[in-house]
Structure formats: C-alpha cells, structure tokens
C-alpha cells in the first residue's frame, strides 16, 4: 500500500479548507462556477451550491494551495469527481459534455413522464 494511502487510513481524510480560504477562491473567481458559469454573486441560492474544487484532485495527490483550487458548483464537482485531466480545458469539456448528456436524459424522461401523466 503506498504511503499516502497508509497515511490517509490512519489519519483519516484531510481537513477541509478554511472558510477564509474558500472565500478568497470565491472572490478570485467572481463567485462563478468555472465549469458551467453558474452565477453565485447575483443570486444567493446559486451561491449556496458553490463549492471549492481541486483542479488536481486532492484524492490523487493534489495540493490545497490556491492555484489548485477553484470555484465549482456541486453538480459540476460531482461530475468531475476524482478524475485526472491533462488540464482545466479538458476537464471543462468533459464536465460540460456530461452535463448535456444528463440534460438530454432529463428531458427524455420528463417528457415521457409528462405524456403518461397527461393521459390519466
């Protein structure tokens, strides 16, 4: 077992970043998801779902330094997960394509559900 895994096993997950550091990242990124553009500056409800993402995932050895952190909405963060990408642009492309896939699935299933409900 690699040292990092052993350390994580005994020490538990790394602590989350401080609220102060998170706010620095939000301000730097203008309270906007860097993947989909969700605006958390002008709408409180959007700000409530913003998170801090590790560009190079912490679970894969990415550091907690400010250059490895960015503002990300929860849905985009879930889509990206712990995947490794060659760079931000590749990660963004993946996230936006997956969001569109999910949007199409949503539209398909809600349309089917709506049609069956209308027939009742």
PDB file of N, CA and C in Angstrom:
ATOM      1  N   UNK A   1       0.852  -1.174   0.000  1.00  0.00           N
ATOM      2  CA  UNK A   1       0.000   0.000   0.000  1.00  0.00           C
ATOM      3  C   UNK A   1       0.901   1.241   0.000  1.00  0.00           C
ATOM      4  N   UNK A   2       0.686   2.198  -0.931  1.00  0.00           N
ATOM      5  CA  UNK A   2       1.505   3.409  -0.961  1.00  0.00           C
ATOM      6  C   UNK A   2       1.374   4.214   0.338  1.00  0.00           C
ATOM      7  N   UNK A   3       2.424   4.978   0.634  1.00  0.00           N
ATOM      8  CA  UNK A   3       2.486   5.749   1.875  1.00  0.00           C
ATOM      9  C   UNK A   3       1.270   6.655   2.049  1.00  0.00           C
ATOM     10  N   UNK A   4       0.846   7.357   0.971  1.00  0.00           N
ATOM     11  CA  UNK A   4      -0.293   8.280   1.087  1.00  0.00           C
ATOM     12  C   UNK A   4      -1.557   7.555   1.521  1.00  0.00           C
ATOM     13  N   UNK A   5      -1.762   6.344   0.999  1.00  0.00           N
ATOM     14  CA  UNK A   5      -2.942   5.579   1.377  1.00  0.00           C
ATOM     15  C   UNK A   5      -2.849   5.135   2.826  1.00  0.00           C
ATOM     16  N   UNK A   6      -1.667   4.733   3.255  1.00  0.00           N
ATOM     17  CA  UNK A   6      -1.476   4.322   4.642  1.00  0.00           C
ATOM     18  C   UNK A   6      -1.721   5.513   5.568  1.00  0.00           C
ATOM     19  N   UNK A   7      -1.150   6.656   5.200  1.00  0.00           N
ATOM     20  CA  UNK A   7      -1.320   7.870   5.997  1.00  0.00           C
ATOM     21  C   UNK A   7      -2.805   8.225   6.093  1.00  0.00           C
ATOM     22  N   UNK A   8      -3.517   8.177   4.962  1.00  0.00           N
ATOM     23  CA  UNK A   8      -4.941   8.507   4.941  1.00  0.00           C
ATOM     24  C   UNK A   8      -5.739   7.514   5.784  1.00  0.00           C
ATOM     25  N   UNK A   9      -5.348   6.235   5.750  1.00  0.00           N
ATOM     26  CA  UNK A   9      -6.037   5.199   6.515  1.00  0.00           C
ATOM     27  C   UNK A   9      -5.962   5.494   8.009  1.00  0.00           C
ATOM     28  N   UNK A  10      -4.775   5.865   8.470  1.00  0.00           N
ATOM     29  CA  UNK A  10      -4.593   6.110   9.895  1.00  0.00           C
ATOM     30  C   UNK A  10      -4.997   7.518  10.316  1.00  0.00           C
ATOM     31  N   UNK A  11      -4.763   8.495   9.462  1.00  0.00           N
ATOM     32  CA  UNK A  11      -5.033   9.888   9.828  1.00  0.00           C
ATOM     33  C   UNK A  11      -6.436  10.333   9.449  1.00  0.00           C
ATOM     34  N   UNK A  12      -7.111   9.586   8.600  1.00  0.00           N
ATOM     35  CA  UNK A  12      -8.433   9.990   8.123  1.00  0.00           C
ATOM     36  C   UNK A  12      -8.301  10.969   6.968  1.00  0.00           C
ATOM     37  N   UNK A  13      -9.438  11.425   6.437  1.00  0.00           N
ATOM     38  CA  UNK A  13      -9.387  12.351   5.303  1.00  0.00           C
ATOM     39  C   UNK A  13      -8.763  13.683   5.718  1.00  0.00           C
ATOM     40  N   UNK A  14      -8.191  14.354   4.746  1.00  0.00           N
ATOM     41  CA  UNK A  14      -7.575  15.656   5.004  1.00  0.00           C
ATOM     42  C   UNK A  14      -8.654  16.654   5.421  1.00  0.00           C
ATOM     43  N   UNK A  15      -8.323  17.585   6.305  1.00  0.00           N
ATOM     44  CA  UNK A  15      -9.316  18.576   6.719  1.00  0.00           C
ATOM     45  C   UNK A  15      -9.721  19.454   5.551  1.00  0.00           C
ATOM     46  N   UNK A  16     -10.933  19.955   5.615  1.00  0.00           N
ATOM     47  CA  UNK A  16     -11.394  20.827   4.538  1.00  0.00           C
ATOM     48  C   UNK A  16     -10.688  22.175   4.643  1.00  0.00           C
ATOM     49  N   UNK A  17     -10.792  22.941   3.578  1.00  0.00           N
ATOM     50  CA  UNK A  17     -10.146  24.246   3.608  1.00  0.00           C
ATOM     51  C   UNK A  17     -10.949  25.184   4.502  1.00  0.00           C
ATOM     52  N   UNK A  18     -10.298  26.191   5.019  1.00  0.00           N
ATOM     53  CA  UNK A  18     -10.968  27.127   5.917  1.00  0.00           C
ATOM     54  C   UNK A  18     -11.981  27.969   5.145  1.00  0.00           C
ATOM     55  N   UNK A  19     -12.939  28.493   5.862  1.00  0.00           N
ATOM     56  CA  UNK A  19     -13.940  29.368   5.248  1.00  0.00           C
ATOM     57  C   UNK A  19     -13.253  30.597   4.649  1.00  0.00           C
ATOM     58  N   UNK A  20     -12.244  31.097   5.341  1.00  0.00           N
ATOM     59  CA  UNK A  20     -11.498  32.264   4.853  1.00  0.00           C
ATOM     60  C   UNK A  20     -10.825  31.967   3.512  1.00  0.00           C
ATOM     61  N   UNK A  21     -10.184  30.803   3.398  1.00  0.00           N
ATOM     62  CA  UNK A  21      -9.548  30.430   2.130  1.00  0.00           C
ATOM     63  C   UNK A  21     -10.581  30.199   1.038  1.00  0.00           C
ATOM     64  N   UNK A  22     -11.710  29.582   1.396  1.00  0.00           N
ATOM     65  CA  UNK A  22     -12.777  29.361   0.412  1.00  0.00           C
ATOM     66  C   UNK A  22     -13.278  30.701  -0.121  1.00  0.00           C
ATOM     67  N   UNK A  23     -13.451  31.684   0.767  1.00  0.00           N
ATOM     68  CA  UNK A  23     -13.924  32.997   0.323  1.00  0.00           C
ATOM     69  C   UNK A  23     -12.901  33.679  -0.583  1.00  0.00           C
ATOM     70  N   UNK A  24     -11.617  33.463  -0.346  1.00  0.00           N
ATOM     71  CA  UNK A  24     -10.590  34.010  -1.231  1.00  0.00           C
ATOM     72  C   UNK A  24     -10.749  33.439  -2.641  1.00  0.00           C
ATOM     73  N   UNK A  25     -11.010  32.134  -2.713  1.00  0.00           N
ATOM     74  CA  UNK A  25     -11.189  31.486  -4.018  1.00  0.00           C
ATOM     75  C   UNK A  25     -12.461  32.000  -4.684  1.00  0.00           C
ATOM     76  N   UNK A  26     -13.572  32.076  -3.929  1.00  0.00           N
ATOM     77  CA  UNK A  26     -14.830  32.595  -4.486  1.00  0.00           C
ATOM     78  C   UNK A  26     -14.632  34.003  -5.044  1.00  0.00           C
ATOM     79  N   UNK A  27     -13.985  34.874  -4.271  1.00  0.00           N
ATOM     80  CA  UNK A  27     -13.763  36.259  -4.731  1.00  0.00           C
ATOM     81  C   UNK A  27     -12.896  36.281  -5.986  1.00  0.00           C
ATOM     82  N   UNK A  28     -11.811  35.518  -5.971  1.00  0.00           N
ATOM     83  CA  UNK A  28     -10.920  35.485  -7.142  1.00  0.00           C
ATOM     84  C   UNK A  28     -11.689  35.055  -8.397  1.00  0.00           C
ATOM     85  N   UNK A  29     -12.591  34.077  -8.232  1.00  0.00           N
ATOM     86  CA  UNK A  29     -13.354  33.527  -9.363  1.00  0.00           C
ATOM     87  C   UNK A  29     -14.684  34.238  -9.574  1.00  0.00           C
ATOM     88  N   UNK A  30     -14.889  35.373  -8.895  1.00  0.00           N
ATOM     89  CA  UNK A  30     -16.097  36.191  -9.045  1.00  0.00           C
ATOM     90  C   UNK A  30     -17.370  35.411  -8.721  1.00  0.00           C
ATOM     91  N   UNK A  31     -17.278  34.490  -7.738  1.00  0.00           N
ATOM     92  CA  UNK A  31     -18.431  33.715  -7.269  1.00  0.00           C
ATOM     93  C   UNK A  31     -19.135  33.007  -8.427  1.00  0.00           C
ATOM     94  N   UNK A  32     -18.359  32.442  -9.327  1.00  0.00           N
ATOM     95  CA  UNK A  32     -18.913  31.809 -10.529  1.00  0.00           C
ATOM     96  C   UNK A  32     -18.281  30.440 -10.723  1.00  0.00           C
ATOM     97  N   UNK A  33     -19.114  29.419 -11.018  1.00  0.00           N
ATOM     98  CA  UNK A  33     -18.607  28.087 -11.326  1.00  0.00           C
ATOM     99  C   UNK A  33     -17.722  28.201 -12.566  1.00  0.00           C
ATOM    100  N   UNK A  34     -16.510  27.714 -12.442  1.00  0.00           N
ATOM    101  CA  UNK A  34     -15.553  27.828 -13.530  1.00  0.00           C
ATOM    102  C   UNK A  34     -15.821  26.838 -14.661  1.00  0.00           C
ATOM    103  N   UNK A  35     -16.732  25.891 -14.434  1.00  0.00           N
ATOM    104  CA  UNK A  35     -17.108  24.942 -15.485  1.00  0.00           C
ATOM    105  C   UNK A  35     -18.337  25.433 -16.255  1.00  0.00           C
ATOM    106  N   UNK A  36     -19.451  25.613 -15.549  1.00  0.00           N
ATOM    107  CA  UNK A  36     -20.706  25.921 -16.252  1.00  0.00           C
ATOM    108  C   UNK A  36     -21.098  27.384 -16.195  1.00  0.00           C
ATOM    109  N   UNK A  37     -20.431  28.174 -15.347  1.00  0.00           N
ATOM    110  CA  UNK A  37     -20.721  29.601 -15.280  1.00  0.00           C
ATOM    111  C   UNK A  37     -21.835  29.984 -14.323  1.00  0.00           C
ATOM    112  N   UNK A  38     -22.328  29.059 -13.503  1.00  0.00           N
ATOM    113  CA  UNK A  38     -23.386  29.377 -12.541  1.00  0.00           C
ATOM    114  C   UNK A  38     -22.964  30.592 -11.727  1.00  0.00           C
ATOM    115  N   UNK A  39     -23.821  31.613 -11.691  1.00  0.00           N
ATOM    116  CA  UNK A  39     -23.503  32.886 -11.051  1.00  0.00           C
ATOM    117  C   UNK A  39     -23.987  32.902  -9.608  1.00  0.00           C
ATOM    118  N   UNK A  40     -23.043  32.843  -8.676  1.00  0.00           N
ATOM    119  CA  UNK A  40     -23.385  32.900  -7.262  1.00  0.00           C
ATOM    120  C   UNK A  40     -23.243  34.284  -6.676  1.00  0.00           C
ATOM    121  N   UNK A  41     -22.837  35.251  -7.476  1.00  0.00           N
ATOM    122  CA  UNK A  41     -22.653  36.613  -6.988  1.00  0.00           C
ATOM    123  C   UNK A  41     -23.981  37.358  -6.933  1.00  0.00           C
ATOM    124  N   UNK A  42     -24.831  37.116  -7.902  1.00  0.00           N
ATOM    125  CA  UNK A  42     -26.078  37.876  -8.006  1.00  0.00           C
ATOM    126  C   UNK A  42     -27.310  37.112  -7.553  1.00  0.00           C
ATOM    127  N   UNK A  43     -27.111  35.865  -7.120  1.00  0.00           N
ATOM    128  CA  UNK A  43     -28.261  35.088  -6.638  1.00  0.00           C
ATOM    129  C   UNK A  43     -27.808  34.188  -5.494  1.00  0.00           C
ATOM    130  N   UNK A  44     -28.327  34.459  -4.318  1.00  0.00           N
ATOM    131  CA  UNK A  44     -27.937  33.746  -3.109  1.00  0.00           C
ATOM    132  C   UNK A  44     -28.120  32.235  -3.248  1.00  0.00           C
ATOM    133  N   UNK A  45     -29.229  31.798  -3.831  1.00  0.00           N
ATOM    134  CA  UNK A  45     -29.499  30.364  -3.970  1.00  0.00           C
ATOM    135  C   UNK A  45     -28.411  29.676  -4.784  1.00  0.00           C
ATOM    136  N   UNK A  46     -27.869  30.362  -5.778  1.00  0.00           N
ATOM    137  CA  UNK A  46     -26.760  29.800  -6.553  1.00  0.00           C
ATOM    138  C   UNK A  46     -25.496  29.733  -5.707  1.00  0.00           C
ATOM    139  N   UNK A  47     -25.244  30.784  -4.922  1.00  0.00           N
ATOM    140  CA  UNK A  47     -24.056  30.795  -4.077  1.00  0.00           C
ATOM    141  C   UNK A  47     -24.080  29.624  -3.098  1.00  0.00           C
ATOM    142  N   UNK A  48     -25.272  29.246  -2.649  1.00  0.00           N
ATOM    143  CA  UNK A  48     -25.409  28.156  -1.673  1.00  0.00           C
ATOM    144  C   UNK A  48     -24.929  26.815  -2.224  1.00  0.00           C
ATOM    145  N   UNK A  49     -24.898  26.642  -3.533  1.00  0.00           N
ATOM    146  CA  UNK A  49     -24.447  25.356  -4.074  1.00  0.00           C
ATOM    147  C   UNK A  49     -23.036  25.424  -4.651  1.00  0.00           C
ATOM    148  N   UNK A  50     -22.357  26.554  -4.452  1.00  0.00           N
ATOM    149  CA  UNK A  50     -20.975  26.641  -4.894  1.00  0.00           C
ATOM    150  C   UNK A  50     -20.063  25.916  -3.896  1.00  0.00           C
ATOM    151  N   UNK A  51     -19.056  25.262  -4.426  1.00  0.00           N
ATOM    152  CA  UNK A  51     -18.079  24.547  -3.622  1.00  0.00           C
ATOM    153  C   UNK A  51     -16.686  24.948  -4.109  1.00  0.00           C
ATOM    154  N   UNK A  52     -15.693  24.398  -3.462  1.00  0.00           N
ATOM    155  CA  UNK A  52     -14.316  24.583  -3.898  1.00  0.00           C
ATOM    156  C   UNK A  52     -13.847  23.253  -4.479  1.00  0.00           C
ATOM    157  N   UNK A  53     -13.359  23.301  -5.704  1.00  0.00           N
ATOM    158  CA  UNK A  53     -12.873  22.107  -6.385  1.00  0.00           C
ATOM    159  C   UNK A  53     -11.356  22.123  -6.434  1.00  0.00           C
ATOM    160  N   UNK A  54     -10.769  20.955  -6.335  1.00  0.00           N
ATOM    161  CA  UNK A  54      -9.328  20.799  -6.534  1.00  0.00           C
ATOM    162  C   UNK A  54      -9.115  20.478  -8.010  1.00  0.00           C
ATOM    163  N   UNK A  55      -8.415  21.339  -8.722  1.00  0.00           N
ATOM    164  CA  UNK A  55      -8.150  21.112 -10.144  1.00  0.00           C
ATOM    165  C   UNK A  55      -7.479  19.750 -10.306  1.00  0.00           C
ATOM    166  N   UNK A  56      -6.394  19.535  -9.588  1.00  0.00           N
ATOM    167  CA  UNK A  56      -5.773  18.207  -9.494  1.00  0.00           C
ATOM    168  C   UNK A  56      -6.339  17.626  -8.206  1.00  0.00           C
ATOM    169  N   UNK A  57      -7.194  16.590  -8.284  1.00  0.00           N
ATOM    170  CA  UNK A  57      -7.924  16.105  -7.111  1.00  0.00           C
ATOM    171  C   UNK A  57      -7.034  15.827  -5.897  1.00  0.00           C
ATOM    172  N   UNK A  58      -7.504  16.259  -4.751  1.00  0.00           N
ATOM    173  CA  UNK A  58      -6.784  16.021  -3.501  1.00  0.00           C
ATOM    174  C   UNK A  58      -6.602  14.527  -3.293  1.00  0.00           C
ATOM    175  N   UNK A  59      -7.603  13.747  -3.657  1.00  0.00           N
ATOM    176  CA  UNK A  59      -7.536  12.287  -3.501  1.00  0.00           C
ATOM    177  C   UNK A  59      -6.447  11.670  -4.372  1.00  0.00           C
ATOM    178  N   UNK A  60      -5.991  12.413  -5.364  1.00  0.00           N
ATOM    179  CA  UNK A  60      -4.933  11.936  -6.263  1.00  0.00           C
ATOM    180  C   UNK A  60      -3.626  12.692  -6.047  1.00  0.00           C
ATOM    181  N   UNK A  61      -3.497  13.297  -4.873  1.00  0.00           N
ATOM    182  CA  UNK A  61      -2.253  13.959  -4.525  1.00  0.00           C
ATOM    183  C   UNK A  61      -2.204  15.453  -4.771  1.00  0.00           C
ATOM    184  N   UNK A  62      -3.312  16.043  -5.221  1.00  0.00           N
ATOM    185  CA  UNK A  62      -3.336  17.484  -5.464  1.00  0.00           C
ATOM    186  C   UNK A  62      -3.271  18.272  -4.174  1.00  0.00           C
ATOM    187  N   UNK A  63      -2.548  19.353  -4.197  1.00  0.00           N
ATOM    188  CA  UNK A  63      -2.368  20.175  -3.007  1.00  0.00           C
ATOM    189  C   UNK A  63      -3.532  21.105  -2.734  1.00  0.00           C
ATOM    190  N   UNK A  64      -3.497  21.696  -1.551  1.00  0.00           N
ATOM    191  CA  UNK A  64      -4.541  22.642  -1.142  1.00  0.00           C
ATOM    192  C   UNK A  64      -4.107  24.081  -1.361  1.00  0.00           C
ATOM    193  N   UNK A  65      -3.114  24.302  -2.208  1.00  0.00           N
ATOM    194  CA  UNK A  65      -2.668  25.664  -2.483  1.00  0.00           C
ATOM    195  C   UNK A  65      -3.663  26.360  -3.398  1.00  0.00           C
ATOM    196  N   UNK A  66      -3.710  27.658  -3.310  1.00  0.00           N
ATOM    197  CA  UNK A  66      -4.711  28.473  -4.007  1.00  0.00           C
ATOM    198  C   UNK A  66      -4.728  28.245  -5.520  1.00  0.00           C
ATOM    199  N   UNK A  67      -3.582  27.936  -6.112  1.00  0.00           N
ATOM    200  CA  UNK A  67      -3.533  27.705  -7.556  1.00  0.00           C
ATOM    201  C   UNK A  67      -4.158  26.379  -7.969  1.00  0.00           C
ATOM    202  N   UNK A  68      -4.427  25.500  -7.020  1.00  0.00           N
ATOM    203  CA  UNK A  68      -5.068  24.223  -7.322  1.00  0.00           C
ATOM    204  C   UNK A  68      -6.538  24.222  -6.909  1.00  0.00           C
ATOM    205  N   UNK A  69      -7.040  25.360  -6.469  1.00  0.00           N
ATOM    206  CA  UNK A  69      -8.430  25.453  -6.022  1.00  0.00           C
ATOM    207  C   UNK A  69      -9.204  26.380  -6.937  1.00  0.00           C
ATOM    208  N   UNK A  70     -10.483  26.041  -7.169  1.00  0.00           N
ATOM    209  CA  UNK A  70     -11.326  26.905  -7.981  1.00  0.00           C
ATOM    210  C   UNK A  70     -12.781  26.761  -7.569  1.00  0.00           C
ATOM    211  N   UNK A  71     -13.565  27.754  -7.900  1.00  0.00           N
ATOM    212  CA  UNK A  71     -14.990  27.748  -7.596  1.00  0.00           C
ATOM    213  C   UNK A  71     -15.704  26.812  -8.558  1.00  0.00           C
ATOM    214  N   UNK A  72     -16.589  26.006  -7.994  1.00  0.00           N
ATOM    215  CA  UNK A  72     -17.291  24.987  -8.780  1.00  0.00           C
ATOM    216  C   UNK A  72     -18.644  24.729  -8.132  1.00  0.00           C
ATOM    217  N   UNK A  73     -19.697  24.599  -8.916  1.00  0.00           N
ATOM    218  CA  UNK A  73     -20.998  24.247  -8.338  1.00  0.00           C
ATOM    219  C   UNK A  73     -20.993  22.753  -7.995  1.00  0.00           C
ATOM    220  N   UNK A  74     -21.865  22.364  -7.091  1.00  0.00           N
ATOM    221  CA  UNK A  74     -21.905  20.967  -6.661  1.00  0.00           C
ATOM    222  C   UNK A  74     -22.140  19.997  -7.819  1.00  0.00           C
ATOM    223  N   UNK A  75     -23.093  20.273  -8.733  1.00  0.00           N
ATOM    224  CA  UNK A  75     -23.279  19.322  -9.843  1.00  0.00           C
ATOM    225  C   UNK A  75     -22.008  19.122 -10.677  1.00  0.00           C
ATOM    226  N   UNK A  76     -21.320  20.204 -11.012  1.00  0.00           N
ATOM    227  CA  UNK A  76     -20.087  20.071 -11.805  1.00  0.00           C
ATOM    228  C   UNK A  76     -19.013  19.342 -11.006  1.00  0.00           C
ATOM    229  N   UNK A  77     -18.946  19.594  -9.707  1.00  0.00           N
ATOM    230  CA  UNK A  77     -17.966  18.937  -8.858  1.00  0.00           C
ATOM    231  C   UNK A  77     -18.216  17.433  -8.818  1.00  0.00           C
ATOM    232  N   UNK A  78     -19.473  17.040  -8.731  1.00  0.00           N
ATOM    233  CA  UNK A  78     -19.827  15.610  -8.724  1.00  0.00           C
ATOM    234  C   UNK A  78     -19.459  14.977 -10.064  1.00  0.00           C
ATOM    235  N   UNK A  79     -19.759  15.662 -11.156  1.00  0.00           N
ATOM    236  CA  UNK A  79     -19.450  15.126 -12.486  1.00  0.00           C
ATOM    237  C   UNK A  79     -17.942  14.936 -12.640  1.00  0.00           C
ATOM    238  N   UNK A  80     -17.157  15.937 -12.269  1.00  0.00           N
ATOM    239  CA  UNK A  80     -15.700  15.842 -12.406  1.00  0.00           C
ATOM    240  C   UNK A  80     -15.140  14.765 -11.491  1.00  0.00           C
ATOM    241  N   UNK A  81     -15.632  14.707 -10.273  1.00  0.00           N
ATOM    242  CA  UNK A  81     -15.179  13.691  -9.327  1.00  0.00           C
ATOM    243  C   UNK A  81     -13.675  13.734  -9.099  1.00  0.00           C
ATOM    244  N   UNK A  82     -13.077  12.569  -8.993  1.00  0.00           N
ATOM    245  CA  UNK A  82     -11.642  12.441  -8.734  1.00  0.00           C
ATOM    246  C   UNK A  82     -10.855  12.157 -10.002  1.00  0.00           C
ATOM    247  N   UNK A  83     -11.484  12.404 -11.160  1.00  0.00           N
ATOM    248  CA  UNK A  83     -10.799  12.126 -12.414  1.00  0.00           C
ATOM    249  C   UNK A  83      -9.606  13.058 -12.612  1.00  0.00           C
ATOM    250  N   UNK A  84      -8.593  12.525 -13.263  1.00  0.00           N
ATOM    251  CA  UNK A  84      -7.421  13.326 -13.622  1.00  0.00           C
ATOM    252  C   UNK A  84      -7.541  13.761 -15.072  1.00  0.00           C
ATOM    253  N   UNK A  85      -7.207  15.005 -15.340  1.00  0.00           N
ATOM    254  CA  UNK A  85      -7.237  15.546 -16.693  1.00  0.00           C
ATOM    255  C   UNK A  85      -5.897  16.199 -16.989  1.00  0.00           C
ATOM    256  N   UNK A  86      -5.578  16.303 -18.263  1.00  0.00           N
ATOM    257  CA  UNK A  86      -4.319  16.930 -18.661  1.00  0.00           C
ATOM    258  C   UNK A  86      -4.296  18.407 -18.281  1.00  0.00           C
ATOM    259  N   UNK A  87      -5.463  19.017 -18.236  1.00  0.00           N
ATOM    260  CA  UNK A  87      -5.552  20.427 -17.880  1.00  0.00           C
ATOM    261  C   UNK A  87      -6.995  20.824 -17.645  1.00  0.00           C
ATOM    262  N   UNK A  88      -7.176  22.081 -17.240  1.00  0.00           N
ATOM    263  CA  UNK A  88      -8.515  22.576 -16.945  1.00  0.00           C
ATOM    264  C   UNK A  88      -9.444  22.503 -18.150  1.00  0.00           C
ATOM    265  N   UNK A  89      -8.965  22.879 -19.321  1.00  0.00           N
ATOM    266  CA  UNK A  89      -9.825  22.895 -20.515  1.00  0.00           C
ATOM    267  C   UNK A  89     -10.375  21.492 -20.815  1.00  0.00           C
ATOM    268  N   UNK A  90      -9.545  20.474 -20.633  1.00  0.00           N
ATOM    269  CA  UNK A  90     -10.005  19.095 -20.854  1.00  0.00           C
ATOM    270  C   UNK A  90     -11.069  18.719 -19.815  1.00  0.00           C
ATOM    271  N   UNK A  91     -10.850  19.114 -18.579  1.00  0.00           N
ATOM    272  CA  UNK A  91     -11.822  18.840 -17.517  1.00  0.00           C
ATOM    273  C   UNK A  91     -13.136  19.562 -17.806  1.00  0.00           C
ATOM    274  N   UNK A  92     -13.054  20.821 -18.205  1.00  0.00           N
ATOM    275  CA  UNK A  92     -14.255  21.607 -18.505  1.00  0.00           C
ATOM    276  C   UNK A  92     -15.040  20.973 -19.647  1.00  0.00           C
ATOM    277  N   UNK A  93     -14.345  20.554 -20.687  1.00  0.00           N
ATOM    278  CA  UNK A  93     -15.008  19.906 -21.830  1.00  0.00           C
ATOM    279  C   UNK A  93     -15.752  18.649 -21.368  1.00  0.00           C
ATOM    280  N   UNK A  94     -15.095  17.832 -20.547  1.00  0.00           N
ATOM    281  CA  UNK A  94     -15.719  16.620 -20.034  1.00  0.00           C
ATOM    282  C   UNK A  94     -16.973  16.956 -19.223  1.00  0.00           C
ATOM    283  N   UNK A  95     -16.845  17.906 -18.309  1.00  0.00           N
ATOM    284  CA  UNK A  95     -17.970  18.269 -17.435  1.00  0.00           C
ATOM    285  C   UNK A  95     -19.137  18.796 -18.257  1.00  0.00           C
ATOM    286  N   UNK A  96     -18.885  19.688 -19.187  1.00  0.00           N
ATOM    287  CA  UNK A  96     -19.977  20.260 -19.988  1.00  0.00           C
ATOM    288  C   UNK A  96     -20.632  19.214 -20.886  1.00  0.00           C
ATOM    289  N   UNK A  97     -19.862  18.296 -21.452  1.00  0.00           N
ATOM    290  CA  UNK A  97     -20.448  17.223 -22.259  1.00  0.00           C
ATOM    291  C   UNK A  97     -21.319  16.315 -21.399  1.00  0.00           C
ATOM    292  N   UNK A  98     -20.849  15.977 -20.200  1.00  0.00           N
ATOM    293  CA  UNK A  98     -21.615  15.112 -19.305  1.00  0.00           C
ATOM    294  C   UNK A  98     -22.892  15.818 -18.833  1.00  0.00           C
ATOM    295  N   UNK A  99     -22.792  17.128 -18.556  1.00  0.00           N
ATOM    296  CA  UNK A  99     -23.995  17.887 -18.174  1.00  0.00           C
ATOM    297  C   UNK A  99     -25.030  17.834 -19.293  1.00  0.00           C
ATOM    298  N   UNK A 100     -24.581  17.968 -20.550  1.00  0.00           N
ATOM    299  CA  UNK A 100     -25.519  17.932 -21.679  1.00  0.00           C
ATOM    300  C   UNK A 100     -26.137  16.544 -21.826  1.00  0.00           C
ATOM    301  N   UNK A 101     -25.332  15.500 -21.627  1.00  0.00           N
ATOM    302  CA  UNK A 101     -25.880  14.128 -21.640  1.00  0.00           C
ATOM    303  C   UNK A 101     -26.985  13.994 -20.607  1.00  0.00           C
ATOM    304  N   UNK A 102     -26.699  14.447 -19.407  1.00  0.00           N
ATOM    305  CA  UNK A 102     -27.683  14.336 -18.324  1.00  0.00           C
ATOM    306  C   UNK A 102     -28.924  15.181 -18.632  1.00  0.00           C
ATOM    307  N   UNK A 103     -28.724  16.367 -19.253  1.00  0.00           N
ATOM    308  CA  UNK A 103     -29.859  17.225 -19.618  1.00  0.00           C
ATOM    309  C   UNK A 103     -30.764  16.497 -20.612  1.00  0.00           C
ATOM    310  N   UNK A 104     -30.160  15.848 -21.595  1.00  0.00           N
ATOM    311  CA  UNK A 104     -30.945  15.110 -22.584  1.00  0.00           C
ATOM    312  C   UNK A 104     -31.714  13.962 -21.932  1.00  0.00           C
ATOM    313  N   UNK A 105     -31.074  13.251 -21.012  1.00  0.00           N
ATOM    314  CA  UNK A 105     -31.757  12.178 -20.284  1.00  0.00           C
ATOM    315  C   UNK A 105     -32.933  12.745 -19.484  1.00  0.00           C
ATOM    316  N   UNK A 106     -32.691  13.846 -18.798  1.00  0.00           N
ATOM    317  CA  UNK A 106     -33.741  14.502 -18.015  1.00  0.00           C
ATOM    318  C   UNK A 106     -34.918  14.876 -18.910  1.00  0.00           C
ATOM    319  N   UNK A 107     -34.629  15.541 -20.032  1.00  0.00           N
ATOM    320  CA  UNK A 107     -35.695  15.959 -20.943  1.00  0.00           C
ATOM    321  C   UNK A 107     -36.459  14.763 -21.484  1.00  0.00           C
ATOM    322  N   UNK A 108     -35.751  13.706 -21.835  1.00  0.00           N
ATOM    323  CA  UNK A 108     -36.403  12.499 -22.347  1.00  0.00           C
ATOM    324  C   UNK A 108     -37.340  11.904 -21.295  1.00  0.00           C
ATOM    325  N   UNK A 109     -36.842  11.750 -20.095  1.00  0.00           N
ATOM    326  CA  UNK A 109     -37.641  11.097 -19.054  1.00  0.00           C
ATOM    327  C   UNK A 109     -38.774  11.975 -18.545  1.00  0.00           C
ATOM    328  N   UNK A 110     -38.568  13.282 -18.477  1.00  0.00           N
ATOM    329  CA  UNK A 110     -39.660  14.148 -18.025  1.00  0.00           C
ATOM    330  C   UNK A 110     -40.723  14.272 -19.103  1.00  0.00           C
ATOM    331  N   UNK A 111     -40.313  14.221 -20.354  1.00  0.00           N
ATOM    332  CA  UNK A 111     -41.278  14.269 -21.456  1.00  0.00           C
ATOM    333  C   UNK A 111     -42.139  13.003 -21.437  1.00  0.00           C
ATOM    334  N   UNK A 112     -41.493  11.849 -21.268  1.00  0.00           N
ATOM    335  CA  UNK A 112     -42.222  10.578 -21.203  1.00  0.00           C
ATOM    336  C   UNK A 112     -43.158  10.583 -20.009  1.00  0.00           C
ATOM    337  N   UNK A 113     -42.668  11.025 -18.863  1.00  0.00           N
ATOM    338  CA  UNK A 113     -43.487  11.059 -17.653  1.00  0.00           C
ATOM    339  C   UNK A 113     -44.642  12.030 -17.816  1.00  0.00           C
ATOM    340  N   UNK A 114     -44.357  13.204 -18.398  1.00  0.00           N
ATOM    341  CA  UNK A 114     -45.402  14.203 -18.600  1.00  0.00           C
ATOM    342  C   UNK A 114     -46.485  13.707 -19.545  1.00  0.00           C
ATOM    343  N   UNK A 115     -46.091  12.971 -20.597  1.00  0.00           N
ATOM    344  CA  UNK A 115     -47.065  12.447 -21.553  1.00  0.00           C
ATOM    345  C   UNK A 115     -47.936  11.389 -20.894  1.00  0.00           C
ATOM    346  N   UNK A 116     -47.337  10.528 -20.065  1.00  0.00           N
ATOM    347  CA  UNK A 116     -48.142   9.492 -19.419  1.00  0.00           C
ATOM    348  C   UNK A 116     -49.057  10.092 -18.345  1.00  0.00           C
ATOM    349  N   UNK A 117     -48.625  11.147 -17.677  1.00  0.00           N
ATOM    350  CA  UNK A 117     -49.453  11.793 -16.662  1.00  0.00           C
ATOM    351  C   UNK A 117     -50.620  12.538 -17.321  1.00  0.00           C
ATOM    352  N   UNK A 118     -50.384  13.091 -18.515  1.00  0.00           N
ATOM    353  CA  UNK A 118     -51.425  13.827 -19.221  1.00  0.00           C
ATOM    354  C   UNK A 118     -52.542  12.905 -19.690  1.00  0.00           C
ATOM    355  N   UNK A 119     -52.214  11.632 -19.907  1.00  0.00           N
ATOM    356  CA  UNK A 119     -53.185  10.662 -20.396  1.00  0.00           C
ATOM    357  C   UNK A 119     -54.088  10.109 -19.298  1.00  0.00           C
ATOM    358  N   UNK A 120     -53.840  10.466 -18.079  1.00  0.00           N
ATOM    359  CA  UNK A 120     -54.655   9.951 -16.948  1.00  0.00           C
ATOM    360  C   UNK A 120     -55.949  10.657 -16.812  1.00  0.00           C
TER     361      UNK A 120
END
